[in-house]
Amino acid sequence: MYISSFNVNSINARINNLIDYLNNHPIDVILLQEIKSVEENFPYKTIEDLGYNIYANCQKSYNGVAVLSKFEMTNPKFSFFEDTQARFLEVDILDYKIICVYVPNGNPVNTEKYTYKLDWLENFYSYCKSLVKTNKKIVIGGDFNIIQSNLDCYNEDDWTDDALFTIEVKKKLRQILHLGFHDSFRAKNSSKKAFSYWDYQSGAWQKDNGIRIDLILLTSSVMDELKNSGIHKDVRGQTKPSDHTPVWIEL
């Protein structure tokens, strides 16, 4: 089974990129973030014609997540705490619990946006803590908006005061990992410097000035099934691309 996660940065603006990606890679399940679409404008038929079932958690102009699956999906869940923003979607696929997240950016630091990010992550940690007690096979994929280490950015000095790289934010992610989750990319690429996001500004893509903030986390039982993981970097080089590129695992 191939599972991918992709921040599309507006599904309607990026629909051709998404179709091309799905036609050229054997993706069974894909988790999408920042779909930026209301329910009535989501391209259901276009995606269904590619053979995917769909659940979407929509929000006008901002946020929004979706799961596309060639397998049947059951037990959809659209929130894990009281939140007015569409940043979470959970479904059951076969014997896996699949969770798609779009973690808040949090910038600028020392504002309510940063407080919201910390609160969101604390609530998500509590939710993950309850999930691992079920001993289910859990896959969490999405845009985490967290740079874990200098190995995950082109220059750590440029991120010192950014909400993606603060000690508090990195600690929140480590707490989740310590519950028994594993970073699937690092499991197969322990020392590789590779990125999943490049800003549209200052020639970041051309200079490869990127960061790795798109993750797929796995519980130990899923890690036992992990064959490979990686980043489909080429998608970022397409015409009118998202500023993110898909990350993927093969089970």
Foldseek 3Di string as FASTA:
>chain_A
DKEKEEAFQACVLCVVLVVVVVVVDVHFKYKYKFNQDDPVPPPVVVLVVSQWDKDKDYDHRGIIMMMTGNFDWDDWDQDQDDDPHRFWIWIDGDQEIEIEGDQQLLPPPPDVSVVVRLVVLVSVLVVLLVVVVVVTKYKYWYQQNAFQDPLFFPGVVVCDRGSNYDPSSNVSVVSSVVSAKDFQQCVAVVRHRAAFFADPPDCRVVVVGHGHRTTMITGPVVVVVWDHWAWPSVSCVDPPGDRGGMIMTDD
